[in-house]
Amino acid sequence: MCQLPEGYKRVDYLRLIPEPLYEISGFNSQEEAAVFIENLNALYPSNKYHIRAEGHFEPDDFVVIFPKGAIEFLTEDNKTNMIEFKPNLQVECFSPRIYRFMDEKYIDEFLSTGSLFISSFKRCLSLENEDRKDESEGKVKVLGHDGRYTVKMAIGVPNTSFLLCTSLSENNIMPGGNEYSHCLEILDSDKFIDMVTLALIENGYQVNRVLCGPCNYGERLITNSKTNLDIQELLQESDSNTIDFEKVFSIPNAVAGDGMYFRKGLDKAFEHEFRIIWDINNCDNDHIIVKVPDAIRYCQKKSF
């Protein structure tokens, strides 16, 4: 028979989950709130929570915080001022360290002048480097349904989309055997993105929004439900026999959402790509070269 290690403490999986907390506002004084607490404690004694009064910033506004089980003892008037209690939490997102693989001369140029090359999606379709070229870049199929109707269509990201491709992996060897001797290591991706975005705006580019995140590798199909999908909505109001194609194309865009910017084929999974995307509506070129000297401090050169 197996024995537990010395000092091992068995976990009590039957431990009760604490009740969620709620709060009632609208008390004019701490004394009024205290009376309410005393009465509520008599009806619903709780050893798990200290039912208490808590003053807000307004001097005459006090709240009472209590466990969910006490709700049944509240009057209907009390319940109208009741909300679920949300404690003050500091929420932080992990910002990954990312790597941009390119020729050493471009890394040195960026670290010297801040010069950065940002590509359009359409340019990625015809890159000379076979490892990096993706003839289906930014293209997905969408399947939307609501139980009655189905919309299936191939779409692509807008021509206003520009991106900077980076990797979450330090792997510098490509499938064809080619190796990168160096890469640009971006130590603080959040501040780097902020600096690049600010530089684009200062250089006259109309940035509508910024997206960033890891790519999803697999089938280039996005399936979603559109509960309000109605074929009648696709007809022009002035002529019931004419299809409004502006509405037709708005549906697959809504089905795909932002996922279409990050969907790639499984053959590109070696990239472990983390991409940064800017929607810019006043650039007709297939790329942008912008100088971002303020972003240099968040980067360094990595050698292999």
Protein backbone atom coordinates (compact mmCIF):
# COMPACT_ATOMS: atom_id res chain seq x y z
CA MET A 1 0.00 0.00 0.00
CA CYS A 2 1.34 3.43 -0.95
CA GLN A 3 2.07 5.83 1.87
CA LEU A 4 1.79 9.59 1.80
CA PRO A 5 5.05 11.54 2.13
CA GLU A 6 5.93 12.76 5.59
CA GLY A 7 4.38 16.15 6.30
CA TYR A 8 1.79 15.77 3.54
CA LYS A 9 -1.54 17.42 4.29
CA ARG A 10 -4.62 15.96 2.68
CA VAL A 11 -6.68 18.51 0.77
CA ASP A 12 -10.28 18.80 1.92
CA TYR A 13 -12.17 18.81 -1.36
CA LEU A 14 -15.48 19.10 0.48
CA ARG A 15 -14.66 22.55 1.76
CA LEU A 16 -17.60 24.87 1.14
CA ILE A 17 -17.20 27.64 -1.40
CA PRO A 18 -17.73 31.05 0.26
CA GLU A 19 -20.92 32.85 -0.63
CA PRO A 20 -20.66 35.76 -3.05
CA LEU A 21 -21.05 39.21 -1.58
CA TYR A 22 -23.63 41.90 -2.34
CA GLU A 23 -24.03 45.46 -1.23
CA ILE A 24 -26.89 47.87 -0.55
CA SER A 25 -26.44 51.64 -0.88
CA GLY A 26 -28.59 54.60 0.03
CA PHE A 27 -27.96 54.96 3.77
CA ASN A 28 -27.75 58.57 4.93
CA SER A 29 -25.48 57.93 7.90
CA GLN A 30 -23.24 55.29 9.38
CA GLU A 31 -25.68 54.99 12.31
CA GLU A 32 -28.54 54.15 9.93
CA ALA A 33 -26.40 51.52 8.22
CA ALA A 34 -25.37 50.08 11.60
CA VAL A 35 -29.01 49.55 12.62
CA PHE A 36 -29.66 47.77 9.33
CA ILE A 37 -26.62 45.54 9.94
CA GLU A 38 -27.77 44.67 13.46
CA ASN A 39 -31.20 43.62 12.22
CA LEU A 40 -29.76 41.65 9.31
CA ASN A 41 -27.30 39.83 11.59
CA ALA A 42 -30.17 38.78 13.83
CA LEU A 43 -32.03 37.28 10.86
CA TYR A 44 -29.00 35.79 9.11
CA PRO A 45 -26.07 35.25 11.49
CA SER A 46 -22.89 34.62 9.54
CA ASN A 47 -19.53 33.52 10.84
CA LYS A 48 -17.97 33.68 7.40
CA TYR A 49 -18.43 37.37 6.73
CA HIS A 50 -18.32 40.45 8.86
CA ILE A 51 -21.43 42.32 7.75
CA ARG A 52 -20.37 45.92 7.90
CA ALA A 53 -21.02 49.50 6.89
CA GLU A 54 -18.60 51.16 4.53
CA GLY A 55 -18.53 54.83 3.63
CA HIS A 56 -18.01 55.91 0.04
CA PHE A 57 -16.41 59.13 -1.14
CA GLU A 58 -19.67 61.00 -0.73
CA PRO A 59 -19.95 61.94 2.98
CA ASP A 60 -23.61 60.92 3.29
CA ASP A 61 -23.49 57.71 1.28
CA PHE A 62 -22.94 54.44 3.17
CA VAL A 63 -23.27 50.86 1.96
CA VAL A 64 -23.80 47.56 3.71
CA ILE A 65 -21.90 44.53 2.44
CA PHE A 66 -23.45 41.13 3.13
CA PRO A 67 -23.43 37.48 1.89
CA LYS A 68 -25.86 36.22 -0.73
CA GLY A 69 -27.79 34.08 1.76
CA ALA A 70 -29.10 37.18 3.51
CA ILE A 71 -30.95 38.42 0.41
CA GLU A 72 -34.12 36.52 1.35
CA PHE A 73 -34.48 38.73 4.43
CA LEU A 74 -34.43 41.99 2.48
CA THR A 75 -37.48 44.03 1.61
CA GLU A 76 -38.31 44.81 -2.00
CA ASP A 77 -37.17 48.41 -1.44
CA ASN A 78 -33.82 47.12 -0.16
CA LYS A 79 -33.38 44.95 -3.25
CA THR A 80 -33.79 47.90 -5.61
CA ASN A 81 -30.54 49.37 -4.19
CA MET A 82 -28.70 46.03 -4.20
CA ILE A 83 -25.83 45.16 -6.53
CA GLU A 84 -23.22 42.42 -6.60
CA PHE A 85 -20.16 43.48 -4.67
CA LYS A 86 -17.05 44.02 -6.76
CA PRO A 87 -13.90 44.33 -4.64
CA ASN A 88 -11.17 46.71 -5.69
CA LEU A 89 -8.79 44.53 -7.68
CA GLN A 90 -5.71 45.47 -9.62
CA VAL A 91 -5.98 43.64 -12.93
CA GLU A 92 -2.85 43.24 -15.02
CA CYS A 93 -2.26 41.51 -18.34
CA PHE A 94 0.96 39.67 -19.07
CA SER A 95 2.86 41.37 -21.89
CA PRO A 96 5.07 38.81 -23.61
CA ARG A 97 8.64 39.36 -24.70
CA ILE A 98 8.56 39.13 -28.50
CA TYR A 99 11.17 38.71 -31.21
CA ARG A 100 11.38 40.19 -34.69
CA PHE A 101 13.59 38.22 -37.06
CA MET A 102 15.25 40.19 -39.87
CA ASP A 103 18.65 40.85 -41.42
CA GLU A 104 21.23 42.24 -39.02
CA LYS A 105 21.62 45.48 -40.98
CA TYR A 106 17.96 46.35 -40.40
CA ILE A 107 18.27 45.57 -36.70
CA ASP A 108 21.29 47.87 -36.43
CA GLU A 109 19.49 50.58 -38.38
CA PHE A 110 16.51 50.46 -36.05
CA LEU A 111 18.68 50.54 -32.92
CA SER A 112 20.56 53.51 -34.39
CA THR A 113 17.76 55.64 -35.91
CA GLY A 114 14.49 53.97 -34.89
CA SER A 115 13.61 53.22 -38.52
CA LEU A 116 10.88 50.57 -38.65
CA PHE A 117 9.32 48.81 -41.65
CA ILE A 118 5.59 48.06 -41.31
CA SER A 119 3.98 45.92 -44.02
CA SER A 120 0.46 45.76 -45.41
CA PHE A 121 -1.37 42.45 -45.45
CA LYS A 122 -1.48 42.44 -49.24
CA ARG A 123 2.32 42.71 -49.41
CA CYS A 124 2.64 39.45 -47.42
CA LEU A 125 1.01 37.58 -50.31
CA SER A 126 4.02 38.02 -52.60
CA LEU A 127 7.14 37.95 -50.42
CA GLU A 128 10.22 36.43 -52.06
CA ASN A 129 11.16 34.48 -48.93
CA GLU A 130 9.27 31.19 -49.29
CA ASP A 131 9.33 30.58 -45.53
CA ARG A 132 7.57 33.88 -44.88
CA LYS A 133 5.33 34.23 -47.94
CA ASP A 134 1.69 33.38 -47.29
CA GLU A 135 -0.59 33.47 -50.33
CA SER A 136 -3.64 33.19 -48.06
CA GLU A 137 -2.58 35.89 -45.59
CA GLY A 138 -5.57 37.71 -44.17
CA LYS A 139 -8.08 35.48 -46.00
CA VAL A 140 -10.61 33.30 -44.18
CA LYS A 141 -13.88 31.52 -44.79
CA VAL A 142 -16.76 32.31 -42.48
CA LEU A 143 -19.81 30.26 -41.66
CA GLY A 144 -22.61 32.08 -39.89
CA HIS A 145 -25.95 30.55 -38.95
CA ASP A 146 -28.91 31.18 -36.69
CA GLY A 147 -30.78 27.91 -36.99
CA ARG A 148 -32.74 29.03 -40.06
CA TYR A 149 -30.29 30.59 -42.50
CA THR A 150 -26.61 30.06 -43.20
CA VAL A 151 -24.09 32.46 -44.71
CA LYS A 152 -20.86 31.00 -46.08
CA MET A 153 -18.36 33.30 -47.74
CA ALA A 154 -14.63 33.89 -48.23
CA ILE A 155 -13.44 37.31 -47.07
CA GLY A 156 -10.20 39.13 -46.44
CA VAL A 157 -9.00 41.81 -44.06
CA PRO A 158 -9.45 45.42 -45.24
CA ASN A 159 -6.76 47.06 -47.39
CA THR A 160 -6.33 49.58 -44.59
CA SER A 161 -4.64 46.93 -42.41
CA PHE A 162 -0.89 47.14 -41.72
CA LEU A 163 1.05 44.78 -39.51
CA LEU A 164 4.34 44.11 -37.78
CA CYS A 165 5.12 40.40 -37.52
CA THR A 166 6.98 39.17 -34.44
CA SER A 167 7.39 35.79 -32.78
CA LEU A 168 6.79 34.43 -29.31
CA SER A 169 9.58 31.92 -29.92
CA GLU A 170 13.34 32.39 -30.01
CA ASN A 171 13.68 29.64 -32.62
CA ASN A 172 15.88 31.17 -35.35
CA ILE A 173 15.93 28.18 -37.73
CA MET A 174 13.39 28.18 -40.58
CA PRO A 175 11.84 24.99 -42.02
CA GLY A 176 14.03 25.25 -45.13
CA GLY A 177 17.15 25.21 -42.97
CA ASN A 178 17.93 28.92 -43.23
CA GLU A 179 19.01 30.53 -39.97
CA TYR A 180 18.82 34.04 -38.60
CA SER A 181 22.01 35.04 -36.83
CA HIS A 182 20.30 37.87 -34.97
CA CYS A 183 16.88 39.19 -34.05
CA LEU A 184 15.37 42.27 -32.44
CA GLU A 185 14.21 41.39 -28.94
CA ILE A 186 11.31 43.59 -27.80
CA LEU A 187 11.44 43.64 -24.01
CA ASP A 188 8.26 45.61 -23.30
CA SER A 189 5.68 45.02 -26.02
CA ASP A 190 3.07 47.38 -24.53
CA LYS A 191 5.35 50.42 -24.46
CA PHE A 192 6.84 49.50 -27.83
CA ILE A 193 3.37 49.42 -29.43
CA ASP A 194 2.46 52.73 -27.77
CA MET A 195 5.58 54.42 -29.13
CA VAL A 196 5.07 53.11 -32.68
CA THR A 197 1.41 54.13 -32.68
CA LEU A 198 2.25 57.62 -31.46
CA ALA A 199 4.95 57.97 -34.15
CA LEU A 200 2.49 56.93 -36.87
CA ILE A 201 -0.03 59.52 -35.70
CA GLU A 202 2.62 62.25 -35.45
CA ASN A 203 3.64 61.45 -39.04
CA GLY A 204 0.13 62.10 -40.32
CA TYR A 205 -1.24 58.55 -40.49
CA GLN A 206 -4.88 58.25 -39.45
CA VAL A 207 -4.79 55.30 -37.06
CA ASN A 208 -8.30 54.10 -36.34
CA ARG A 209 -7.40 51.28 -33.97
CA VAL A 210 -4.62 48.93 -32.90
CA LEU A 211 -4.87 45.16 -32.49
CA CYS A 212 -2.28 42.73 -31.15
CA GLY A 213 -2.15 39.10 -30.18
CA PRO A 214 -0.92 35.60 -31.04
CA CYS A 215 -1.99 33.89 -34.25
CA ASN A 216 -4.33 30.91 -34.32
CA TYR A 217 -3.06 28.11 -36.58
CA GLY A 218 -5.34 25.60 -38.25
CA GLU A 219 -8.21 25.57 -40.71
CA ARG A 220 -8.91 29.03 -42.11
CA LEU A 221 -12.58 28.78 -41.20
CA ILE A 222 -14.37 30.88 -38.60
CA THR A 223 -17.75 29.62 -37.43
CA ASN A 224 -20.14 31.77 -35.47
CA SER A 225 -23.84 32.23 -34.81
CA LYS A 226 -25.70 35.35 -35.83
CA THR A 227 -28.96 35.22 -33.94
CA ASN A 228 -30.36 38.23 -35.82
CA LEU A 229 -29.49 36.93 -39.29
CA ASP A 230 -32.52 37.49 -41.53
CA ILE A 231 -32.38 37.15 -45.31
CA GLN A 232 -35.04 39.84 -45.60
CA GLU A 233 -32.59 42.35 -44.15
CA LEU A 234 -30.43 41.94 -47.27
CA LEU A 235 -33.08 43.41 -49.56
CA GLN A 236 -33.11 47.09 -50.48
CA GLU A 237 -35.98 48.94 -48.83
CA SER A 238 -36.80 50.80 -52.05
CA ASP A 239 -36.84 47.70 -54.24
CA SER A 240 -37.67 44.33 -52.70
CA ASN A 241 -36.08 42.50 -55.64
CA THR A 242 -32.65 44.10 -55.21
CA ILE A 243 -30.01 42.71 -52.85
CA ASP A 244 -28.07 45.26 -50.81
CA PHE A 245 -24.51 43.93 -51.11
CA GLU A 246 -23.23 46.39 -48.53
CA LYS A 247 -25.40 44.54 -46.03
CA VAL A 248 -24.38 41.20 -47.52
CA PHE A 249 -20.68 41.84 -46.87
CA SER A 250 -21.28 43.31 -43.43
CA ILE A 251 -22.58 39.96 -42.19
CA PRO A 252 -19.44 37.83 -42.80
CA ASN A 253 -17.32 40.64 -41.36
CA ALA A 254 -19.44 40.54 -38.22
CA VAL A 255 -19.23 36.73 -38.09
CA ALA A 256 -15.44 36.68 -38.47
CA GLY A 257 -14.77 39.55 -36.07
CA ASP A 258 -11.15 40.27 -35.20
CA GLY A 259 -10.34 36.58 -35.51
CA MET A 260 -9.73 36.97 -39.23
CA TYR A 261 -6.64 39.09 -38.51
CA PHE A 262 -5.01 36.26 -36.54
CA ARG A 263 -6.01 33.09 -38.43
CA LYS A 264 -3.24 31.28 -40.29
CA GLY A 265 -2.70 27.87 -41.86
CA LEU A 266 -1.14 25.02 -39.90
CA ASP A 267 1.87 25.04 -42.24
CA LYS A 268 2.92 28.36 -40.67
CA ALA A 269 2.70 27.19 -37.06
CA PHE A 270 6.50 27.20 -36.77
CA GLU A 271 6.35 31.02 -36.69
CA HIS A 272 4.60 31.23 -33.29
CA GLU A 273 3.57 34.63 -34.54
CA PHE A 274 2.52 37.52 -32.35
CA ARG A 275 1.31 40.26 -34.64
CA ILE A 276 0.67 43.95 -34.15
CA ILE A 277 -1.92 45.50 -36.47
CA TRP A 278 -2.77 49.10 -37.23
CA ASP A 279 -5.87 50.12 -39.16
CA ILE A 280 -4.79 53.15 -41.21
CA ASN A 281 -7.20 54.68 -43.72
CA ASN A 282 -4.98 57.22 -45.48
CA CYS A 283 -2.12 55.11 -46.86
CA ASP A 284 -2.19 53.66 -50.39
CA ASN A 285 1.30 52.13 -50.27
CA ASP A 286 1.95 48.47 -49.49
CA HIS A 287 4.22 49.39 -46.60
CA ILE A 288 5.15 52.19 -44.20
CA ILE A 289 8.60 53.22 -43.01
CA VAL A 290 8.42 55.25 -39.83
CA LYS A 291 11.12 56.41 -37.42
CA VAL A 292 10.41 55.60 -33.77
CA PRO A 293 13.49 56.56 -31.74
CA ASP A 294 11.46 56.45 -28.53
CA ALA A 295 10.89 52.72 -29.05
CA ILE A 296 14.61 51.87 -29.09
CA ARG A 297 14.86 51.85 -25.29
CA TYR A 298 12.46 48.91 -25.11
CA CYS A 299 14.48 46.72 -27.48
CA GLN A 300 17.84 45.02 -27.76
CA LYS A 301 19.79 42.96 -30.28
CA LYS A 302 19.92 39.22 -29.65
CA SER A 303 22.59 37.04 -31.24
CA PHE A 304 22.45 33.28 -31.80
